[in-house]
Each structure stands twice: as C-alpha cells, then as structure tokens.
Amino acid sequence: MQRFLPVAVKNSGVSLEELLPDALAEKPSLPAFELISKLYRQLAVGSFLMSGNPQDLAEHLFNSSRAFAHFCDVAPAGAKLTSRAEAFFDAVACRDDDGARRIAAGSPSTPDPSREYEEDFYKIRFAMDLWSQRPRLAGTDAGRLDGARGGPGPLRRAVPGDAGARPEGVRRGRGEGDRGEAGALRST
C-alpha cells in the first residue's frame, strides 16, 4: 500500500487539474461536480493516510464541499438531485457550516422518483434537515463544548477507558455499570 497510495493521490490531483477548468467553463453538470467532490475526497483520505495530518483531510474535504456548493448555487433546479449530494457530509466533517448550508439549501426538498430512489434521497435529506435544526452555539469550538454542557463533551466521550463519560447505552452494551445480561455473560 505504501507504494500505491502516493500514486493514487497524484492521479486524483492530476484528474482534478484536467477536470476543473472544463467543469467551471461549461454548463454545470451533476456528474462532473460529483466527480470533482469524489476526487477531492480521495485526496483528503489519501493525504491524511500519508501524512497523518488532519489539516490535509480537512482542507480537501473543504474543497469538496465548496465545489459542490458552487454547483448548487449555479445549476438549474432540474439538474440537482439530493441523493447525489454526498459532499454535504464532507462539509459537515470539516465543519464548513457555510458550505453545508449552501448544499442543503440548494438541494431539492422532495425526491424525483424518475431519477432517484426515495431511500437514497431521504438518507441525505434527513441528515441535512437534522443538521440545519441543530442548536447554534455561537463562538464555541469542540474543546469548549465540554464545559458548555456541564459535563463531558462529544470528544471526551470517545476517550477509551473513560467509562464514566460514555453514554449509558454504550456502558450497558459493554457490560459496564448496570450489570444486566450483557455484563453477566461477560463475567462468566
């Protein structure tokens, strides 16, 4: 894998260099912008795996979300499909709130049964709707969320070995805390 990953990353970059000028010069096309987002996503993961630097991951995911947000801004309504707006998840992952908002607002709110399956549409639309309804905590970041809620935040719960910070359902499933059936089976 060590030999092939740099080649795959370079191929994604070269493909982007060839595709971007044409995609921006022509009429907006969903397949073209889907491919652009996919290539940025490949760059994100490949760069992160090679460097271990999360900044590389966030930078390329940001580019993916902004490319698709541009498509949502300029494409006619008939060219858009919510089920194909996977770049929304890139925006959420890199905390690009503006990109996520633009993609959600620019994506159709009803499925087009002649062009997409309902379950594919709702998989993304529900996430968009849930994201847009989340509480806005102005001026906060993940590190400060711990104190804002009076308890461990989402990042603290992910720390292994900190059973007290895990949600109750996770503790029960792992046999911690309340020693129900799962705990009884583990202790035997």
Protein backbone atom coordinates (compact mmCIF):
# COMPACT_ATOMS: atom_id res chain seq x y z
CA MET A 1 0.00 0.00 0.00
CA GLN A 2 2.91 2.34 0.69
CA ARG A 3 3.87 2.30 -2.99
CA PHE A 4 0.40 2.72 -4.42
CA LEU A 5 -1.12 5.37 -2.16
CA PRO A 6 1.07 8.24 -3.41
CA VAL A 7 0.29 7.22 -7.00
CA ALA A 8 -3.45 7.17 -6.28
CA VAL A 9 -3.27 10.60 -4.62
CA LYS A 10 -1.28 12.01 -7.54
CA ASN A 11 -3.77 10.54 -10.03
CA SER A 12 -6.65 12.21 -8.18
CA GLY A 13 -4.80 15.53 -8.27
CA VAL A 14 -3.99 15.24 -11.98
CA SER A 15 -7.60 14.31 -12.76
CA LEU A 16 -8.78 17.37 -10.83
CA GLU A 17 -6.38 19.62 -12.74
CA GLU A 18 -7.85 18.35 -16.01
CA LEU A 19 -11.49 18.39 -14.92
CA LEU A 20 -11.83 21.67 -13.01
CA PRO A 21 -11.25 24.17 -15.84
CA ASP A 22 -13.75 22.39 -18.11
CA ALA A 23 -16.35 21.99 -15.36
CA LEU A 24 -16.18 25.68 -14.48
CA ALA A 25 -16.28 26.84 -18.11
CA GLU A 26 -19.23 24.69 -19.18
CA LYS A 27 -22.85 24.45 -18.12
CA PRO A 28 -22.93 22.96 -14.58
CA SER A 29 -23.21 19.19 -14.73
CA LEU A 30 -24.07 16.98 -11.75
CA PRO A 31 -21.80 14.11 -12.86
CA ALA A 32 -18.86 16.48 -13.30
CA PHE A 33 -19.25 18.07 -9.86
CA GLU A 34 -19.87 14.69 -8.25
CA LEU A 35 -16.58 13.53 -9.71
CA ILE A 36 -14.81 16.68 -8.54
CA SER A 37 -16.08 16.11 -5.00
CA LYS A 38 -15.12 12.44 -5.15
CA LEU A 39 -11.59 13.31 -6.30
CA TYR A 40 -11.20 15.87 -3.51
CA ARG A 41 -12.45 13.22 -1.07
CA GLN A 42 -9.84 10.78 -2.39
CA LEU A 43 -7.17 13.45 -1.99
CA ALA A 44 -8.40 14.08 1.56
CA VAL A 45 -8.20 10.48 2.67
CA GLY A 46 -5.00 9.68 0.78
CA SER A 47 -3.19 12.78 2.04
CA PHE A 48 -4.31 12.07 5.59
CA LEU A 49 -3.14 8.45 5.39
CA MET A 50 0.25 9.51 4.03
CA SER A 51 0.90 12.43 6.37
CA GLY A 52 -1.22 11.69 9.42
CA ASN A 53 -2.06 15.39 9.46
CA PRO A 54 -5.79 16.06 9.94
CA GLN A 55 -5.31 19.50 8.38
CA ASP A 56 -4.76 17.78 4.99
CA LEU A 57 -8.02 15.89 5.45
CA ALA A 58 -9.98 18.99 6.42
CA GLU A 59 -8.53 21.11 3.61
CA HIS A 60 -9.51 18.70 0.84
CA LEU A 61 -12.93 17.97 2.35
CA PHE A 62 -13.48 21.73 2.46
CA ASN A 63 -12.60 21.94 -1.25
CA SER A 64 -15.04 19.13 -1.97
CA SER A 65 -17.85 20.82 -0.12
CA ARG A 66 -17.21 24.20 -1.71
CA ALA A 67 -17.06 22.73 -5.22
CA PHE A 68 -20.44 21.08 -4.72
CA ALA A 69 -21.83 24.20 -3.03
CA HIS A 70 -20.83 26.12 -6.16
CA PHE A 71 -22.74 23.58 -8.25
CA CYS A 72 -25.80 24.01 -6.00
CA ASP A 73 -25.56 27.79 -6.37
CA VAL A 74 -25.30 27.93 -10.17
CA ALA A 75 -27.05 24.81 -11.51
CA PRO A 76 -30.69 24.92 -12.56
CA ALA A 77 -33.14 23.16 -10.23
CA GLY A 78 -33.71 20.31 -12.68
CA ALA A 79 -30.02 19.41 -12.68
CA LYS A 80 -29.84 18.79 -8.92
CA LEU A 81 -30.53 15.57 -7.03
CA THR A 82 -30.37 15.44 -3.25
CA SER A 83 -29.47 11.75 -3.28
CA ARG A 84 -26.22 12.62 -5.04
CA ALA A 85 -25.20 15.48 -2.69
CA GLU A 86 -22.71 13.39 -0.70
CA ALA A 87 -20.43 16.42 -0.47
CA PHE A 88 -22.81 17.64 2.25
CA PHE A 89 -21.15 15.09 4.56
CA ASP A 90 -17.73 16.45 3.57
CA ALA A 91 -18.87 19.91 4.65
CA VAL A 92 -20.15 18.62 7.98
CA ALA A 93 -16.98 16.58 8.56
CA CYS A 94 -14.68 19.56 8.08
CA ARG A 95 -17.05 21.96 9.90
CA ASP A 96 -17.75 24.03 6.81
CA ASP A 97 -21.08 25.37 8.05
CA ASP A 98 -21.48 27.76 5.13
CA GLY A 99 -20.82 25.01 2.58
CA ALA A 100 -23.21 22.63 4.34
CA ARG A 101 -25.87 25.34 4.49
CA ARG A 102 -25.47 26.15 0.78
CA ILE A 103 -25.61 22.48 -0.24
CA ALA A 104 -28.69 21.83 1.95
CA ALA A 105 -30.46 24.96 0.70
CA GLY A 106 -29.59 24.25 -2.93
CA SER A 107 -30.66 20.60 -2.86
CA PRO A 108 -34.27 19.69 -3.67
CA SER A 109 -36.51 19.09 -0.65
CA THR A 110 -38.63 16.48 -2.45
CA PRO A 111 -37.41 13.36 -4.26
CA ASP A 112 -37.57 12.99 -8.03
CA PRO A 113 -38.88 9.41 -8.36
CA SER A 114 -37.96 9.26 -12.04
CA ARG A 115 -34.26 9.96 -11.28
CA GLU A 116 -33.55 8.78 -7.72
CA TYR A 117 -34.68 6.22 -5.20
CA GLU A 118 -36.60 7.61 -2.24
CA GLU A 119 -34.36 5.88 0.31
CA ASP A 120 -31.26 7.44 -1.29
CA PHE A 121 -32.93 10.85 -1.24
CA TYR A 122 -34.05 10.57 2.40
CA LYS A 123 -30.68 9.26 3.59
CA ILE A 124 -29.15 12.63 2.73
CA ARG A 125 -32.20 14.89 3.16
CA PHE A 126 -32.84 13.72 6.73
CA ALA A 127 -29.20 14.44 7.60
CA MET A 128 -29.49 17.89 6.01
CA ASP A 129 -32.66 18.66 7.92
CA LEU A 130 -31.24 17.42 11.22
CA TRP A 131 -28.07 19.42 10.69
CA SER A 132 -29.97 22.60 9.94
CA GLN A 133 -32.05 22.19 13.12
CA ARG A 134 -29.10 21.65 15.48
CA PRO A 135 -28.64 24.28 18.15
CA ARG A 136 -26.25 27.02 17.22
CA LEU A 137 -23.61 27.68 19.83
CA ALA A 138 -22.04 30.93 18.73
CA GLY A 139 -18.37 31.26 19.47
CA THR A 140 -17.83 27.71 20.67
CA ASP A 141 -15.50 25.00 19.49
CA ALA A 142 -15.21 21.29 20.27
CA GLY A 143 -12.77 21.87 23.12
CA ARG A 144 -15.03 24.37 24.85
CA LEU A 145 -18.19 22.30 24.45
CA ASP A 146 -17.10 20.17 27.40
CA GLY A 147 -17.79 22.97 29.85
CA ALA A 148 -20.76 24.44 27.98
CA ARG A 149 -22.97 21.47 28.80
CA GLY A 150 -21.71 20.94 32.32
CA GLY A 151 -20.24 17.54 31.53
CA PRO A 152 -18.02 15.65 29.16
CA GLY A 153 -18.44 16.74 25.53
CA PRO A 154 -18.51 14.53 22.47
CA LEU A 155 -14.73 14.35 22.18
CA ARG A 156 -14.29 13.39 25.83
CA ARG A 157 -16.78 10.51 25.48
CA ALA A 158 -14.61 8.98 22.77
CA VAL A 159 -11.59 8.57 25.04
CA PRO A 160 -11.02 4.83 25.65
CA GLY A 161 -11.05 3.73 29.26
CA ASP A 162 -13.23 6.60 30.42
CA ALA A 163 -16.33 4.53 31.19
CA GLY A 164 -17.89 7.27 33.28
CA ALA A 165 -18.05 9.58 30.26
CA ARG A 166 -19.63 7.04 27.91
CA PRO A 167 -23.35 7.27 27.23
CA GLU A 168 -25.39 4.84 29.34
CA GLY A 169 -26.38 2.65 26.37
CA VAL A 170 -22.75 2.12 25.43
CA ARG A 171 -21.82 1.23 29.02
CA ARG A 172 -24.63 -1.32 29.22
CA GLY A 173 -23.71 -2.84 25.84
CA ARG A 174 -20.12 -3.24 27.01
CA GLY A 175 -21.22 -4.76 30.34
CA GLU A 176 -20.13 -1.73 32.37
CA GLY A 177 -22.12 -0.02 35.10
CA ASP A 178 -25.52 -1.73 35.37
CA ARG A 179 -24.67 -5.45 35.26
CA GLY A 180 -27.55 -6.66 33.13
CA GLU A 181 -27.48 -9.72 30.86
CA ALA A 182 -24.55 -8.40 28.82
CA GLY A 183 -22.48 -7.93 31.97
CA ALA A 184 -23.47 -11.31 33.36
CA LEU A 185 -22.43 -13.06 30.16
CA ARG A 186 -19.04 -11.35 30.18
CA SER A 187 -18.27 -12.24 33.76
CA THR A 188 -18.70 -15.97 33.15
